[in-house]
Amino acid sequence: MLTRMLVRNFKRFGEIDIELGNSVVFIGPNNSGKTAALQALALWEKPSRRDDQQT
């Protein structure tokens, strides 16, 4: 299980360390980085494309 998310130099974040539990809720005002945090997590899940892969 993923228990921690460390994001560096992504969108509005210089560096942020988020502890993850069974349930995580992002609450904050508009433009505070809630969506950016979820996008960072989504990027982690996607496999990176290697240059030697064939399409």
N, C-alpha and C. Protein backbone atom coordinates (compact mmCIF):
# COMPACT_ATOMS: atom_id res chain seq x y z
N MET A 1 0.84 -1.18 0.00
CA MET A 1 0.00 0.00 0.00
C MET A 1 0.89 1.24 0.00
N LEU A 2 0.49 2.20 -0.77
CA LEU A 2 1.19 3.48 -0.83
C LEU A 2 0.89 4.26 0.46
N THR A 3 1.91 4.63 1.19
CA THR A 3 1.71 5.27 2.49
C THR A 3 2.21 6.71 2.53
N ARG A 4 2.96 7.12 1.51
CA ARG A 4 3.55 8.46 1.52
C ARG A 4 3.73 8.93 0.08
N MET A 5 3.52 10.22 -0.13
CA MET A 5 3.73 10.79 -1.46
C MET A 5 4.61 12.03 -1.29
N LEU A 6 5.77 12.00 -1.91
CA LEU A 6 6.70 13.13 -1.89
C LEU A 6 6.74 13.71 -3.30
N VAL A 7 6.37 14.98 -3.41
CA VAL A 7 6.32 15.65 -4.71
C VAL A 7 7.34 16.77 -4.70
N ARG A 8 8.16 16.80 -5.75
CA ARG A 8 9.17 17.86 -5.87
C ARG A 8 9.05 18.52 -7.24
N ASN A 9 9.04 19.84 -7.21
CA ASN A 9 9.06 20.65 -8.44
C ASN A 9 7.98 20.23 -9.43
N PHE A 10 6.75 20.16 -8.96
CA PHE A 10 5.62 19.85 -9.82
C PHE A 10 4.57 20.93 -9.64
N LYS A 11 4.27 21.60 -10.73
CA LYS A 11 3.30 22.69 -10.74
C LYS A 11 3.60 23.68 -9.63
N ARG A 12 2.71 23.89 -8.68
CA ARG A 12 2.90 24.92 -7.66
C ARG A 12 3.74 24.43 -6.48
N PHE A 13 4.12 23.15 -6.47
CA PHE A 13 4.85 22.60 -5.33
C PHE A 13 6.35 22.68 -5.55
N GLY A 14 7.05 23.26 -4.59
CA GLY A 14 8.50 23.14 -4.56
C GLY A 14 8.83 21.75 -4.03
N GLU A 15 8.32 21.47 -2.86
CA GLU A 15 8.43 20.14 -2.26
C GLU A 15 7.31 19.99 -1.24
N ILE A 16 6.61 18.87 -1.32
CA ILE A 16 5.54 18.58 -0.37
C ILE A 16 5.57 17.10 -0.05
N ASP A 17 5.37 16.76 1.19
CA ASP A 17 5.37 15.38 1.67
C ASP A 17 4.00 15.11 2.29
N ILE A 18 3.26 14.18 1.71
CA ILE A 18 1.90 13.88 2.16
C ILE A 18 1.85 12.44 2.67
N GLU A 19 1.43 12.26 3.90
CA GLU A 19 1.21 10.92 4.44
C GLU A 19 -0.15 10.43 3.96
N LEU A 20 -0.20 9.21 3.45
CA LEU A 20 -1.43 8.64 2.93
C LEU A 20 -1.89 7.50 3.84
N GLY A 21 -3.16 7.47 4.12
CA GLY A 21 -3.74 6.40 4.93
C GLY A 21 -4.80 5.68 4.12
N ASN A 22 -5.70 5.02 4.83
CA ASN A 22 -6.78 4.30 4.15
C ASN A 22 -7.70 5.26 3.40
N SER A 23 -7.94 6.42 3.97
CA SER A 23 -8.76 7.45 3.34
C SER A 23 -8.00 8.77 3.39
N VAL A 24 -7.99 9.48 2.28
CA VAL A 24 -7.32 10.77 2.21
C VAL A 24 -8.30 11.77 1.61
N VAL A 25 -8.43 12.91 2.23
CA VAL A 25 -9.32 13.97 1.74
C VAL A 25 -8.49 15.24 1.55
N PHE A 26 -8.59 15.82 0.36
CA PHE A 26 -7.92 17.09 0.08
C PHE A 26 -8.94 18.21 0.23
N ILE A 27 -8.71 19.08 1.18
CA ILE A 27 -9.61 20.21 1.43
C ILE A 27 -8.78 21.48 1.41
N GLY A 28 -9.28 22.50 0.74
CA GLY A 28 -8.59 23.78 0.72
C GLY A 28 -9.27 24.75 -0.21
N PRO A 29 -8.85 25.99 -0.15
CA PRO A 29 -9.45 27.01 -1.03
C PRO A 29 -9.07 26.77 -2.49
N ASN A 30 -9.75 27.48 -3.36
CA ASN A 30 -9.42 27.42 -4.79
C ASN A 30 -7.96 27.79 -4.99
N ASN A 31 -7.32 27.12 -5.95
CA ASN A 31 -5.94 27.40 -6.34
C ASN A 31 -4.93 27.11 -5.22
N SER A 32 -5.23 26.11 -4.39
CA SER A 32 -4.30 25.77 -3.31
C SER A 32 -3.49 24.51 -3.61
N GLY A 33 -3.77 23.84 -4.75
CA GLY A 33 -2.97 22.69 -5.15
C GLY A 33 -3.63 21.33 -4.99
N LYS A 34 -4.92 21.29 -4.70
CA LYS A 34 -5.61 20.01 -4.54
C LYS A 34 -5.55 19.17 -5.81
N THR A 35 -5.90 19.78 -6.93
CA THR A 35 -5.89 19.07 -8.20
C THR A 35 -4.47 18.71 -8.61
N ALA A 36 -3.52 19.59 -8.37
CA ALA A 36 -2.11 19.31 -8.71
C ALA A 36 -1.61 18.09 -7.93
N ALA A 37 -2.01 17.96 -6.67
CA ALA A 37 -1.60 16.79 -5.88
C ALA A 37 -2.17 15.51 -6.48
N LEU A 38 -3.42 15.55 -6.91
CA LEU A 38 -4.02 14.37 -7.53
C LEU A 38 -3.38 14.07 -8.89
N GLN A 39 -3.03 15.10 -9.63
CA GLN A 39 -2.35 14.89 -10.92
C GLN A 39 -0.97 14.27 -10.71
N ALA A 40 -0.27 14.68 -9.68
CA ALA A 40 1.04 14.09 -9.39
C ALA A 40 0.89 12.62 -9.06
N LEU A 41 -0.13 12.28 -8.30
CA LEU A 41 -0.38 10.88 -7.97
C LEU A 41 -0.75 10.08 -9.22
N ALA A 42 -1.53 10.66 -10.11
CA ALA A 42 -1.90 9.99 -11.36
C ALA A 42 -0.68 9.76 -12.24
N LEU A 43 0.25 10.71 -12.28
CA LEU A 43 1.47 10.54 -13.08
C LEU A 43 2.33 9.41 -12.54
N TRP A 44 2.35 9.24 -11.23
CA TRP A 44 3.13 8.17 -10.62
C TRP A 44 2.61 6.82 -11.08
N GLU A 45 1.29 6.71 -11.24
CA GLU A 45 0.67 5.44 -11.59
C GLU A 45 0.94 5.05 -13.04
N LYS A 46 1.08 6.04 -13.92
CA LYS A 46 1.28 5.74 -15.34
C LYS A 46 2.70 5.23 -15.58
N PRO A 47 2.85 4.18 -16.35
CA PRO A 47 4.22 3.74 -16.67
C PRO A 47 4.90 4.75 -17.57
N SER A 48 6.17 4.96 -17.33
CA SER A 48 6.90 5.90 -18.18
C SER A 48 7.26 5.20 -19.49
N ARG A 49 7.30 5.95 -20.55
CA ARG A 49 7.62 5.39 -21.86
C ARG A 49 9.13 5.39 -22.04
N ARG A 50 9.66 4.24 -22.37
CA ARG A 50 11.10 4.13 -22.62
C ARG A 50 11.35 4.40 -24.10
N ASP A 51 12.50 4.96 -24.40
CA ASP A 51 12.84 5.30 -25.78
C ASP A 51 12.94 4.07 -26.67
N ASP A 52 13.27 2.91 -26.09
CA ASP A 52 13.47 1.72 -26.92
C ASP A 52 12.19 0.91 -27.09
N GLN A 53 11.06 1.38 -26.58
CA GLN A 53 9.81 0.68 -26.77
C GLN A 53 9.28 0.94 -28.17
N GLN A 54 8.68 -0.08 -28.74
CA GLN A 54 8.06 0.09 -30.06
C GLN A 54 6.61 0.46 -29.84
N THR A 55 6.08 1.30 -30.73
CA THR A 55 4.67 1.69 -30.62
C THR A 55 3.83 0.95 -31.60
